[in-house]
Amino acid sequence: MAVRKIDISDGRAALALVSAGDAPRQATAMAVRYLLQLLDEKAPGNSVEVRVPPFGAVQVVQGPRHTRGTPPNVVEMDAATWIALATGDEHWTDVVAAGRVTASGVRADLADLLPLRP
């Protein structure tokens, strides 16, 4: 089953609402999913799972494919942290040092992939 792509204008509109502050949950969800989509386009693959609960997850980065159980390379964070990282408002090393990102596995460092510059 193919995943429906988020249109660029819809994704950017959701990001604008989030950056303006006090965005509705639906806009936050779309912004998160749009940025995950951009990450998937930038670094396609199946070796790292990036999770932003409860809004979405994506498998990215070339390498060994994972098919069962907990992936060996997992990155997880909340929506606000993901949006800040993906848009360049915050830096990977800072949020990891602050404990706002859980990253496990040898491929779970996204520093070279962020920001996405949507």
PDB file of N, CA and C in Angstrom:
ATOM      1  N   MET A   1       0.842  -1.185   0.000  1.00  0.00           N
ATOM      2  CA  MET A   1       0.000   0.000   0.000  1.00  0.00           C
ATOM      3  C   MET A   1       0.886   1.246   0.000  1.00  0.00           C
ATOM      4  N   ALA A   2       0.639   2.129  -0.921  1.00  0.00           N
ATOM      5  CA  ALA A   2       1.420   3.364  -1.034  1.00  0.00           C
ATOM      6  C   ALA A   2       0.948   4.390  -0.011  1.00  0.00           C
ATOM      7  N   VAL A   3       1.897   5.093   0.566  1.00  0.00           N
ATOM      8  CA  VAL A   3       1.582   6.156   1.517  1.00  0.00           C
ATOM      9  C   VAL A   3       1.335   7.428   0.722  1.00  0.00           C
ATOM     10  N   ARG A   4       0.261   8.123   1.048  1.00  0.00           N
ATOM     11  CA  ARG A   4      -0.072   9.362   0.363  1.00  0.00           C
ATOM     12  C   ARG A   4       0.927  10.445   0.744  1.00  0.00           C
ATOM     13  N   LYS A   5       1.514  11.062  -0.245  1.00  0.00           N
ATOM     14  CA  LYS A   5       2.489  12.128  -0.018  1.00  0.00           C
ATOM     15  C   LYS A   5       1.765  13.420   0.373  1.00  0.00           C
ATOM     16  N   ILE A   6       2.399  14.156   1.250  1.00  0.00           N
ATOM     17  CA  ILE A   6       1.874  15.460   1.644  1.00  0.00           C
ATOM     18  C   ILE A   6       2.353  16.478   0.617  1.00  0.00           C
ATOM     19  N   ASP A   7       1.425  17.237   0.087  1.00  0.00           N
ATOM     20  CA  ASP A   7       1.735  18.271  -0.889  1.00  0.00           C
ATOM     21  C   ASP A   7       2.624  19.336  -0.238  1.00  0.00           C
ATOM     22  N   ILE A   8       3.565  19.853  -1.005  1.00  0.00           N
ATOM     23  CA  ILE A   8       4.504  20.858  -0.503  1.00  0.00           C
ATOM     24  C   ILE A   8       3.775  22.060   0.106  1.00  0.00           C
ATOM     25  N   SER A   9       2.753  22.554  -0.581  1.00  0.00           N
ATOM     26  CA  SER A   9       2.047  23.739  -0.063  1.00  0.00           C
ATOM     27  C   SER A   9       1.318  23.424   1.241  1.00  0.00           C
ATOM     28  N   ASP A  10       0.757  22.226   1.358  1.00  0.00           N
ATOM     29  CA  ASP A  10       0.087  21.831   2.605  1.00  0.00           C
ATOM     30  C   ASP A  10       1.099  21.686   3.741  1.00  0.00           C
ATOM     31  N   GLY A  11       2.251  21.077   3.433  1.00  0.00           N
ATOM     32  CA  GLY A  11       3.299  20.905   4.437  1.00  0.00           C
ATOM     33  C   GLY A  11       3.843  22.240   4.920  1.00  0.00           C
ATOM     34  N   ARG A  12       4.092  23.130   3.987  1.00  0.00           N
ATOM     35  CA  ARG A  12       4.604  24.460   4.364  1.00  0.00           C
ATOM     36  C   ARG A  12       3.579  25.274   5.145  1.00  0.00           C
ATOM     37  N   ALA A  13       2.312  25.130   4.783  1.00  0.00           N
ATOM     38  CA  ALA A  13       1.252  25.829   5.523  1.00  0.00           C
ATOM     39  C   ALA A  13       1.189  25.321   6.967  1.00  0.00           C
ATOM     40  N   ALA A  14       1.313  24.015   7.150  1.00  0.00           N
ATOM     41  CA  ALA A  14       1.303  23.437   8.502  1.00  0.00           C
ATOM     42  C   ALA A  14       2.508  23.930   9.293  1.00  0.00           C
ATOM     43  N   LEU A  15       3.672  23.977   8.658  1.00  0.00           N
ATOM     44  CA  LEU A  15       4.869  24.485   9.332  1.00  0.00           C
ATOM     45  C   LEU A  15       4.707  25.953   9.722  1.00  0.00           C
ATOM     46  N   ALA A  16       4.080  26.733   8.862  1.00  0.00           N
ATOM     47  CA  ALA A  16       3.850  28.150   9.174  1.00  0.00           C
ATOM     48  C   ALA A  16       2.944  28.299  10.394  1.00  0.00           C
ATOM     49  N   LEU A  17       1.916  27.465  10.481  1.00  0.00           N
ATOM     50  CA  LEU A  17       1.031  27.512  11.649  1.00  0.00           C
ATOM     51  C   LEU A  17       1.782  27.138  12.916  1.00  0.00           C
ATOM     52  N   VAL A  18       2.598  26.104  12.829  1.00  0.00           N
ATOM     53  CA  VAL A  18       3.367  25.672  14.000  1.00  0.00           C
ATOM     54  C   VAL A  18       4.353  26.757  14.422  1.00  0.00           C
ATOM     55  N   SER A  19       5.037  27.347  13.474  1.00  0.00           N
ATOM     56  CA  SER A  19       6.032  28.366  13.835  1.00  0.00           C
ATOM     57  C   SER A  19       5.374  29.640  14.368  1.00  0.00           C
ATOM     58  N   ALA A  20       4.121  29.883  13.998  1.00  0.00           N
ATOM     59  CA  ALA A  20       3.399  31.048  14.512  1.00  0.00           C
ATOM     60  C   ALA A  20       2.985  30.853  15.967  1.00  0.00           C
ATOM     61  N   GLY A  21       2.996  29.594  16.423  1.00  0.00           N
ATOM     62  CA  GLY A  21       2.649  29.288  17.811  1.00  0.00           C
ATOM     63  C   GLY A  21       1.205  28.877  17.975  1.00  0.00           C
ATOM     64  N   ASP A  22       0.969  28.032  18.963  1.00  0.00           N
ATOM     65  CA  ASP A  22      -0.369  27.571  19.321  1.00  0.00           C
ATOM     66  C   ASP A  22      -1.111  26.939  18.139  1.00  0.00           C
ATOM     67  N   ALA A  23      -0.423  26.097  17.385  1.00  0.00           N
ATOM     68  CA  ALA A  23      -1.030  25.427  16.231  1.00  0.00           C
ATOM     69  C   ALA A  23      -1.969  24.323  16.707  1.00  0.00           C
ATOM     70  N   PRO A  24      -3.061  24.105  15.968  1.00  0.00           N
ATOM     71  CA  PRO A  24      -3.930  22.978  16.316  1.00  0.00           C
ATOM     72  C   PRO A  24      -3.192  21.655  16.123  1.00  0.00           C
ATOM     73  N   ARG A  25      -3.635  20.638  16.830  1.00  0.00           N
ATOM     74  CA  ARG A  25      -2.997  19.317  16.777  1.00  0.00           C
ATOM     75  C   ARG A  25      -2.883  18.803  15.340  1.00  0.00           C
ATOM     76  N   GLN A  26      -3.890  19.019  14.536  1.00  0.00           N
ATOM     77  CA  GLN A  26      -3.880  18.552  13.150  1.00  0.00           C
ATOM     78  C   GLN A  26      -2.730  19.197  12.353  1.00  0.00           C
ATOM     79  N   ALA A  27      -2.480  20.471  12.578  1.00  0.00           N
ATOM     80  CA  ALA A  27      -1.376  21.154  11.890  1.00  0.00           C
ATOM     81  C   ALA A  27      -0.029  20.628  12.367  1.00  0.00           C
ATOM     82  N   THR A  28       0.091  20.393  13.662  1.00  0.00           N
ATOM     83  CA  THR A  28       1.331  19.824  14.199  1.00  0.00           C
ATOM     84  C   THR A  28       1.583  18.448  13.599  1.00  0.00           C
ATOM     85  N   ALA A  29       0.544  17.629  13.539  1.00  0.00           N
ATOM     86  CA  ALA A  29       0.674  16.289  12.959  1.00  0.00           C
ATOM     87  C   ALA A  29       1.123  16.365  11.502  1.00  0.00           C
ATOM     88  N   MET A  30       0.519  17.257  10.731  1.00  0.00           N
ATOM     89  CA  MET A  30       0.902  17.381   9.325  1.00  0.00           C
ATOM     90  C   MET A  30       2.331  17.892   9.196  1.00  0.00           C
ATOM     91  N   ALA A  31       2.724  18.853  10.017  1.00  0.00           N
ATOM     92  CA  ALA A  31       4.091  19.382   9.959  1.00  0.00           C
ATOM     93  C   ALA A  31       5.104  18.279  10.259  1.00  0.00           C
ATOM     94  N   VAL A  32       4.838  17.482  11.291  1.00  0.00           N
ATOM     95  CA  VAL A  32       5.728  16.372  11.644  1.00  0.00           C
ATOM     96  C   VAL A  32       5.831  15.386  10.491  1.00  0.00           C
ATOM     97  N   ARG A  33       4.697  14.985   9.954  1.00  0.00           N
ATOM     98  CA  ARG A  33       4.697  13.997   8.859  1.00  0.00           C
ATOM     99  C   ARG A  33       5.350  14.554   7.593  1.00  0.00           C
ATOM    100  N   TYR A  34       5.141  15.818   7.320  1.00  0.00           N
ATOM    101  CA  TYR A  34       5.768  16.443   6.157  1.00  0.00           C
ATOM    102  C   TYR A  34       7.293  16.428   6.303  1.00  0.00           C
ATOM    103  N   LEU A  35       7.786  16.778   7.484  1.00  0.00           N
ATOM    104  CA  LEU A  35       9.230  16.783   7.706  1.00  0.00           C
ATOM    105  C   LEU A  35       9.806  15.367   7.682  1.00  0.00           C
ATOM    106  N   LEU A  36       9.061  14.386   8.186  1.00  0.00           N
ATOM    107  CA  LEU A  36       9.502  12.987   8.074  1.00  0.00           C
ATOM    108  C   LEU A  36       9.564  12.570   6.604  1.00  0.00           C
ATOM    109  N   GLN A  37       8.613  13.024   5.836  1.00  0.00           N
ATOM    110  CA  GLN A  37       8.594  12.744   4.392  1.00  0.00           C
ATOM    111  C   GLN A  37       9.837  13.330   3.722  1.00  0.00           C
ATOM    112  N   LEU A  38      10.188  14.570   4.087  1.00  0.00           N
ATOM    113  CA  LEU A  38      11.386  15.197   3.523  1.00  0.00           C
ATOM    114  C   LEU A  38      12.652  14.439   3.919  1.00  0.00           C
ATOM    115  N   LEU A  39      12.703  13.948   5.158  1.00  0.00           N
ATOM    116  CA  LEU A  39      13.848  13.163   5.599  1.00  0.00           C
ATOM    117  C   LEU A  39      13.952  11.879   4.787  1.00  0.00           C
ATOM    118  N   ASP A  40      12.823  11.240   4.551  1.00  0.00           N
ATOM    119  CA  ASP A  40      12.795  10.010   3.754  1.00  0.00           C
ATOM    120  C   ASP A  40      13.278  10.277   2.328  1.00  0.00           C
ATOM    121  N   GLU A  41      12.906  11.415   1.768  1.00  0.00           N
ATOM    122  CA  GLU A  41      13.348  11.773   0.418  1.00  0.00           C
ATOM    123  C   GLU A  41      14.845  12.073   0.382  1.00  0.00           C
ATOM    124  N   LYS A  42      15.353  12.673   1.452  1.00  0.00           N
ATOM    125  CA  LYS A  42      16.768  13.046   1.519  1.00  0.00           C
ATOM    126  C   LYS A  42      17.667  11.837   1.790  1.00  0.00           C
ATOM    127  N   ALA A  43      17.195  10.916   2.627  1.00  0.00           N
ATOM    128  CA  ALA A  43      18.017   9.771   3.044  1.00  0.00           C
ATOM    129  C   ALA A  43      17.205   8.478   2.990  1.00  0.00           C
ATOM    130  N   PRO A  44      16.801   8.058   1.790  1.00  0.00           N
ATOM    131  CA  PRO A  44      15.990   6.840   1.705  1.00  0.00           C
ATOM    132  C   PRO A  44      16.773   5.623   2.198  1.00  0.00           C
ATOM    133  N   GLY A  45      16.043   4.688   2.759  1.00  0.00           N
ATOM    134  CA  GLY A  45      16.667   3.467   3.258  1.00  0.00           C
ATOM    135  C   GLY A  45      15.822   2.844   4.341  1.00  0.00           C
ATOM    136  N   ASN A  46      16.393   1.855   5.008  1.00  0.00           N
ATOM    137  CA  ASN A  46      15.638   1.119   6.011  1.00  0.00           C
ATOM    138  C   ASN A  46      16.455   0.773   7.243  1.00  0.00           C
ATOM    139  N   SER A  47      17.556   1.459   7.493  1.00  0.00           N
ATOM    140  CA  SER A  47      18.398   1.041   8.608  1.00  0.00           C
ATOM    141  C   SER A  47      18.185   1.832   9.895  1.00  0.00           C
ATOM    142  N   VAL A  48      17.509   2.976   9.826  1.00  0.00           N
ATOM    143  CA  VAL A  48      17.245   3.788  11.018  1.00  0.00           C
ATOM    144  C   VAL A  48      15.756   4.120  11.058  1.00  0.00           C
ATOM    145  N   GLU A  49      15.145   3.887  12.203  1.00  0.00           N
ATOM    146  CA  GLU A  49      13.744   4.267  12.354  1.00  0.00           C
ATOM    147  C   GLU A  49      13.682   5.549  13.170  1.00  0.00           C
ATOM    148  N   VAL A  50      13.065   6.579  12.601  1.00  0.00           N
ATOM    149  CA  VAL A  50      12.880   7.854  13.290  1.00  0.00           C
ATOM    150  C   VAL A  50      11.417   7.909  13.720  1.00  0.00           C
ATOM    151  N   ARG A  51      11.224   8.035  15.030  1.00  0.00           N
ATOM    152  CA  ARG A  51       9.874   8.034  15.608  1.00  0.00           C
ATOM    153  C   ARG A  51       9.573   9.383  16.250  1.00  0.00           C
ATOM    154  N   VAL A  52       8.374   9.883  15.938  1.00  0.00           N
ATOM    155  CA  VAL A  52       7.882  11.110  16.555  1.00  0.00           C
ATOM    156  C   VAL A  52       6.455  10.814  17.021  1.00  0.00           C
ATOM    157  N   PRO A  53       6.352  10.116  18.164  1.00  0.00           N
ATOM    158  CA  PRO A  53       5.018   9.726  18.625  1.00  0.00           C
ATOM    159  C   PRO A  53       4.216  10.933  19.091  1.00  0.00           C
ATOM    160  N   PRO A  54       2.927  10.930  18.909  1.00  0.00           N
ATOM    161  CA  PRO A  54       2.100   9.894  18.285  1.00  0.00           C
ATOM    162  C   PRO A  54       1.867  10.136  16.791  1.00  0.00           C
ATOM    163  N   PHE A  55       2.650  11.027  16.186  1.00  0.00           N
ATOM    164  CA  PHE A  55       2.329  11.497  14.841  1.00  0.00           C
ATOM    165  C   PHE A  55       2.903  10.685  13.686  1.00  0.00           C
ATOM    166  N   GLY A  56       4.055  10.075  13.853  1.00  0.00           N
ATOM    167  CA  GLY A  56       4.599   9.343  12.727  1.00  0.00           C
ATOM    168  C   GLY A  56       5.946   8.719  12.994  1.00  0.00           C
ATOM    169  N   ALA A  57       6.336   7.884  12.059  1.00  0.00           N
ATOM    170  CA  ALA A  57       7.644   7.228  12.078  1.00  0.00           C
ATOM    171  C   ALA A  57       8.024   6.932  10.637  1.00  0.00           C
ATOM    172  N   VAL A  58       9.316   6.870  10.393  1.00  0.00           N
ATOM    173  CA  VAL A  58       9.807   6.585   9.054  1.00  0.00           C
ATOM    174  C   VAL A  58      11.119   5.824   9.180  1.00  0.00           C
ATOM    175  N   GLN A  59      11.342   4.910   8.248  1.00  0.00           N
ATOM    176  CA  GLN A  59      12.637   4.225   8.181  1.00  0.00           C
ATOM    177  C   GLN A  59      13.453   4.882   7.081  1.00  0.00           C
ATOM    178  N   VAL A  60      14.678   5.267   7.426  1.00  0.00           N
ATOM    179  CA  VAL A  60      15.545   6.011   6.516  1.00  0.00           C
ATOM    180  C   VAL A  60      16.982   5.494   6.597  1.00  0.00           C
ATOM    181  N   VAL A  61      17.850   6.036   5.815  1.00  0.00           N
ATOM    182  CA  VAL A  61      19.288   5.797   5.767  1.00  0.00           C
ATOM    183  C   VAL A  61      19.594   4.417   5.180  1.00  0.00           C
ATOM    184  N   GLN A  62      20.447   4.430   4.155  1.00  0.00           N
ATOM    185  CA  GLN A  62      20.875   3.187   3.521  1.00  0.00           C
ATOM    186  C   GLN A  62      21.595   2.296   4.527  1.00  0.00           C
ATOM    187  N   GLY A  63      21.401   0.999   4.374  1.00  0.00           N
ATOM    188  CA  GLY A  63      22.058   0.034   5.250  1.00  0.00           C
ATOM    189  C   GLY A  63      21.210  -1.209   5.356  1.00  0.00           C
ATOM    190  N   PRO A  64      21.526  -2.058   6.321  1.00  0.00           N
ATOM    191  CA  PRO A  64      20.768  -3.300   6.475  1.00  0.00           C
ATOM    192  C   PRO A  64      19.299  -3.025   6.761  1.00  0.00           C
ATOM    193  N   ARG A  65      18.442  -3.745   6.071  1.00  0.00           N
ATOM    194  CA  ARG A  65      17.002  -3.592   6.249  1.00  0.00           C
ATOM    195  C   ARG A  65      16.559  -4.286   7.525  1.00  0.00           C
ATOM    196  N   HIS A  66      15.650  -3.635   8.240  1.00  0.00           N
ATOM    197  CA  HIS A  66      15.103  -4.217   9.463  1.00  0.00           C
ATOM    198  C   HIS A  66      13.665  -4.646   9.199  1.00  0.00           C
ATOM    199  N   THR A  67      13.286  -5.855   9.645  1.00  0.00           N
ATOM    200  CA  THR A  67      11.926  -6.326   9.366  1.00  0.00           C
ATOM    201  C   THR A  67      11.127  -6.780  10.587  1.00  0.00           C
ATOM    202  N   ARG A  68      11.750  -7.145  11.693  1.00  0.00           N
ATOM    203  CA  ARG A  68      11.002  -7.642  12.851  1.00  0.00           C
ATOM    204  C   ARG A  68      11.496  -7.045  14.166  1.00  0.00           C
ATOM    205  N   GLY A  69      10.560  -6.857  15.097  1.00  0.00           N
ATOM    206  CA  GLY A  69      10.934  -6.398  16.431  1.00  0.00           C
ATOM    207  C   GLY A  69      11.437  -4.967  16.433  1.00  0.00           C
ATOM    208  N   THR A  70      12.115  -4.614  17.499  1.00  0.00           N
ATOM    209  CA  THR A  70      12.659  -3.268  17.630  1.00  0.00           C
ATOM    210  C   THR A  70      13.880  -3.125  16.731  1.00  0.00           C
ATOM    211  N   PRO A  71      13.885  -2.115  15.893  1.00  0.00           N
ATOM    212  CA  PRO A  71      15.039  -1.916  15.007  1.00  0.00           C
ATOM    213  C   PRO A  71      16.314  -1.659  15.817  1.00  0.00           C
ATOM    214  N   PRO A  72      17.477  -2.029  15.283  1.00  0.00           N
ATOM    215  CA  PRO A  72      18.728  -1.803  16.003  1.00  0.00           C
ATOM    216  C   PRO A  72      19.133  -0.323  16.059  1.00  0.00           C
ATOM    217  N   ASN A  73      18.597   0.486  15.164  1.00  0.00           N
ATOM    218  CA  ASN A  73      18.913   1.911  15.120  1.00  0.00           C
ATOM    219  C   ASN A  73      17.610   2.704  15.213  1.00  0.00           C
ATOM    220  N   VAL A  74      17.388   3.319  16.358  1.00  0.00           N
ATOM    221  CA  VAL A  74      16.136   4.034  16.600  1.00  0.00           C
ATOM    222  C   VAL A  74      16.435   5.433  17.124  1.00  0.00           C
ATOM    223  N   VAL A  75      15.710   6.405  16.580  1.00  0.00           N
ATOM    224  CA  VAL A  75      15.773   7.782  17.054  1.00  0.00           C
ATOM    225  C   VAL A  75      14.349   8.179  17.405  1.00  0.00           C
ATOM    226  N   GLU A  76      14.146   8.679  18.607  1.00  0.00           N
ATOM    227  CA  GLU A  76      12.796   9.059  19.027  1.00  0.00           C
ATOM    228  C   GLU A  76      12.836  10.394  19.759  1.00  0.00           C
ATOM    229  N   MET A  77      11.814  11.214  19.470  1.00  0.00           N
ATOM    230  CA  MET A  77      11.709  12.525  20.106  1.00  0.00           C
ATOM    231  C   MET A  77      10.273  13.018  20.012  1.00  0.00           C
ATOM    232  N   ASP A  78       9.974  14.092  20.738  1.00  0.00           N
ATOM    233  CA  ASP A  78       8.640  14.671  20.662  1.00  0.00           C
ATOM    234  C   ASP A  78       8.523  15.562  19.423  1.00  0.00           C
ATOM    235  N   ALA A  79       7.314  15.966  19.129  1.00  0.00           N
ATOM    236  CA  ALA A  79       7.038  16.737  17.915  1.00  0.00           C
ATOM    237  C   ALA A  79       7.770  18.076  17.891  1.00  0.00           C
ATOM    238  N   ALA A  80       7.756  18.792  18.995  1.00  0.00           N
ATOM    239  CA  ALA A  80       8.402  20.108  19.029  1.00  0.00           C
ATOM    240  C   ALA A  80       9.899  19.997  18.763  1.00  0.00           C
ATOM    241  N   THR A  81      10.533  18.984  19.333  1.00  0.00           N
ATOM    242  CA  THR A  81      11.967  18.781  19.120  1.00  0.00           C
ATOM    243  C   THR A  81      12.243  18.434  17.665  1.00  0.00           C
ATOM    244  N   TRP A  82      11.429  17.532  17.093  1.00  0.00           N
ATOM    245  CA  TRP A  82      11.614  17.133  15.697  1.00  0.00           C
ATOM    246  C   TRP A  82      11.486  18.334  14.760  1.00  0.00           C
ATOM    247  N   ILE A  83      10.463  19.129  14.965  1.00  0.00           N
ATOM    248  CA  ILE A  83      10.242  20.282  14.094  1.00  0.00           C
ATOM    249  C   ILE A  83      11.409  21.269  14.227  1.00  0.00           C
ATOM    250  N   ALA A  84      11.863  21.502  15.452  1.00  0.00           N
ATOM    251  CA  ALA A  84      12.986  22.416  15.667  1.00  0.00           C
ATOM    252  C   ALA A  84      14.267  21.898  15.006  1.00  0.00           C
ATOM    253  N   LEU A  85      14.533  20.621  15.116  1.00  0.00           N
ATOM    254  CA  LEU A  85      15.722  20.037  14.482  1.00  0.00           C
ATOM    255  C   LEU A  85      15.631  20.097  12.963  1.00  0.00           C
ATOM    256  N   ALA A  86      14.493  19.665  12.450  1.00  0.00           N
ATOM    257  CA  ALA A  86      14.327  19.565  10.997  1.00  0.00           C
ATOM    258  C   ALA A  86      14.360  20.927  10.314  1.00  0.00           C
ATOM    259  N   THR A  87      13.916  21.954  11.010  1.00  0.00           N
ATOM    260  CA  THR A  87      13.888  23.295  10.415  1.00  0.00           C
ATOM    261  C   THR A  87      15.145  24.109  10.718  1.00  0.00           C
ATOM    262  N   GLY A  88      16.024  23.571  11.551  1.00  0.00           N
ATOM    263  CA  GLY A  88      17.269  24.260  11.865  1.00  0.00           C
ATOM    264  C   GLY A  88      17.186  25.213  13.044  1.00  0.00           C
ATOM    265  N   ASP A  89      16.056  25.219  13.753  1.00  0.00           N
ATOM    266  CA  ASP A  89      15.937  26.086  14.924  1.00  0.00           C
ATOM    267  C   ASP A  89      16.781  25.582  16.092  1.00  0.00           C
ATOM    268  N   GLU A  90      17.089  24.277  16.091  1.00  0.00           N
ATOM    269  CA  GLU A  90      17.958  23.689  17.116  1.00  0.00           C
ATOM    270  C   GLU A  90      18.925  22.738  16.427  1.00  0.00           C
ATOM    271  N   HIS A  91      19.994  22.384  17.143  1.00  0.00           N
ATOM    272  CA  HIS A  91      21.027  21.534  16.579  1.00  0.00           C
ATOM    273  C   HIS A  91      21.029  20.156  17.246  1.00  0.00           C
ATOM    274  N   TRP A  92      21.361  19.151  16.458  1.00  0.00           N
ATOM    275  CA  TRP A  92      21.363  17.762  16.905  1.00  0.00           C
ATOM    276  C   TRP A  92      22.152  17.574  18.200  1.00  0.00           C
ATOM    277  N   THR A  93      23.382  18.034  18.234  1.00  0.00           N
ATOM    278  CA  THR A  93      24.217  17.803  19.414  1.00  0.00           C
ATOM    279  C   THR A  93      23.621  18.436  20.670  1.00  0.00           C
ATOM    280  N   ASP A  94      22.983  19.584  20.512  1.00  0.00           N
ATOM    281  CA  ASP A  94      22.377  20.265  21.661  1.00  0.00           C
ATOM    282  C   ASP A  94      21.187  19.488  22.228  1.00  0.00           C
ATOM    283  N   VAL A  95      20.300  19.026  21.359  1.00  0.00           N
ATOM    284  CA  VAL A  95      19.116  18.324  21.864  1.00  0.00           C
ATOM    285  C   VAL A  95      19.457  16.944  22.397  1.00  0.00           C
ATOM    286  N   VAL A  96      20.475  16.298  21.813  1.00  0.00           N
ATOM    287  CA  VAL A  96      20.926  15.011  22.349  1.00  0.00           C
ATOM    288  C   VAL A  96      21.539  15.221  23.724  1.00  0.00           C
ATOM    289  N   ALA A  97      22.398  16.227  23.858  1.00  0.00           N
ATOM    290  CA  ALA A  97      23.032  16.520  25.148  1.00  0.00           C
ATOM    291  C   ALA A  97      22.002  16.878  26.215  1.00  0.00           C
ATOM    292  N   ALA A  98      20.911  17.517  25.804  1.00  0.00           N
ATOM    293  CA  ALA A  98      19.857  17.904  26.740  1.00  0.00           C
ATOM    294  C   ALA A  98      18.921  16.747  27.075  1.00  0.00           C
ATOM    295  N   GLY A  99      19.116  15.602  26.431  1.00  0.00           N
ATOM    296  CA  GLY A  99      18.270  14.432  26.705  1.00  0.00           C
ATOM    297  C   GLY A  99      16.902  14.498  26.059  1.00  0.00           C
ATOM    298  N   ARG A 100      16.740  15.333  25.055  1.00  0.00           N
ATOM    299  CA  ARG A 100      15.436  15.476  24.402  1.00  0.00           C
ATOM    300  C   ARG A 100      15.260  14.514  23.234  1.00  0.00           C
ATOM    301  N   VAL A 101      16.320  13.767  22.909  1.00  0.00           N
ATOM    302  CA  VAL A 101      16.285  12.764  21.856  1.00  0.00           C
ATOM    303  C   VAL A 101      16.810  11.468  22.435  1.00  0.00           C
ATOM    304  N   THR A 102      16.121  10.379  22.129  1.00  0.00           N
ATOM    305  CA  THR A 102      16.626   9.059  22.458  1.00  0.00           C
ATOM    306  C   THR A 102      17.155   8.469  21.169  1.00  0.00           C
ATOM    307  N   ALA A 103      18.443   8.140  21.141  1.00  0.00           N
ATOM    308  CA  ALA A 103      19.050   7.586  19.937  1.00  0.00           C
ATOM    309  C   ALA A 103      19.865   6.360  20.317  1.00  0.00           C
ATOM    310  N   SER A 104      19.564   5.239  19.671  1.00  0.00           N
ATOM    311  CA  SER A 104      20.315   4.017  19.942  1.00  0.00           C
ATOM    312  C   SER A 104      20.732   3.374  18.632  1.00  0.00           C
ATOM    313  N   GLY A 105      21.909   2.798  18.631  1.00  0.00           N
ATOM    314  CA  GLY A 105      22.424   2.137  17.443  1.00  0.00           C
ATOM    315  C   GLY A 105      23.524   2.950  16.795  1.00  0.00           C
ATOM    316  N   VAL A 106      24.382   2.260  16.050  1.00  0.00           N
ATOM    317  CA  VAL A 106      25.552   2.904  15.454  1.00  0.00           C
ATOM    318  C   VAL A 106      25.195   3.867  14.330  1.00  0.00           C
ATOM    319  N   ARG A 107      24.012   3.746  13.741  1.00  0.00           N
ATOM    320  CA  ARG A 107      23.596   4.624  12.642  1.00  0.00           C
ATOM    321  C   ARG A 107      22.596   5.692  13.094  1.00  0.00           C
ATOM    322  N   ALA A 108      22.360   5.811  14.380  1.00  0.00           N
ATOM    323  CA  ALA A 108      21.290   6.664  14.892  1.00  0.00           C
ATOM    324  C   ALA A 108      21.703   8.113  15.127  1.00  0.00           C
ATOM    325  N   ASP A 109      22.678   8.597  14.396  1.00  0.00           N
ATOM    326  CA  ASP A 109      23.102   9.990  14.502  1.00  0.00           C
ATOM    327  C   ASP A 109      22.622  10.716  13.243  1.00  0.00           C
ATOM    328  N   LEU A 110      21.703  11.650  13.402  1.00  0.00           N
ATOM    329  CA  LEU A 110      21.119  12.362  12.272  1.00  0.00           C
ATOM    330  C   LEU A 110      21.771  13.713  12.002  1.00  0.00           C
ATOM    331  N   ALA A 111      22.861  14.010  12.678  1.00  0.00           N
ATOM    332  CA  ALA A 111      23.488  15.331  12.568  1.00  0.00           C
ATOM    333  C   ALA A 111      23.807  15.725  11.133  1.00  0.00           C
ATOM    334  N   ASP A 112      24.260  14.782  10.321  1.00  0.00           N
ATOM    335  CA  ASP A 112      24.630  15.103   8.945  1.00  0.00           C
ATOM    336  C   ASP A 112      23.415  15.273   8.032  1.00  0.00           C
ATOM    337  N   LEU A 113      22.234  14.884   8.498  1.00  0.00           N
ATOM    338  CA  LEU A 113      21.018  14.963   7.671  1.00  0.00           C
ATOM    339  C   LEU A 113      20.156  16.182   8.001  1.00  0.00           C
ATOM    340  N   LEU A 114      20.434  16.812   9.128  1.00  0.00           N
ATOM    341  CA  LEU A 114      19.595  17.920   9.585  1.00  0.00           C
ATOM    342  C   LEU A 114      20.385  19.207   9.588  1.00  0.00           C
ATOM    343  N   PRO A 115      19.773  20.343   9.357  1.00  0.00           N
ATOM    344  CA  PRO A 115      18.341  20.534   9.095  1.00  0.00           C
ATOM    345  C   PRO A 115      17.974  20.165   7.658  1.00  0.00           C
ATOM    346  N   LEU A 116      16.666  20.052   7.449  1.00  0.00           N
ATOM    347  CA  LEU A 116      16.147  19.666   6.144  1.00  0.00           C
ATOM    348  C   LEU A 116      15.942  20.863   5.228  1.00  0.00           C
ATOM    349  N   ARG A 117      15.824  22.046   5.772  1.00  0.00           N
ATOM    350  CA  ARG A 117      15.587  23.270   4.999  1.00  0.00           C
ATOM    351  C   ARG A 117      14.349  23.173   4.126  1.00  0.00           C
ATOM    352  N   PRO A 118      13.204  22.946   4.753  1.00  0.00           N
ATOM    353  CA  PRO A 118      11.968  22.812   3.938  1.00  0.00           C
ATOM    354  C   PRO A 118      11.559  24.110   3.286  1.00  0.00           C
TER     355      PRO A 118
END
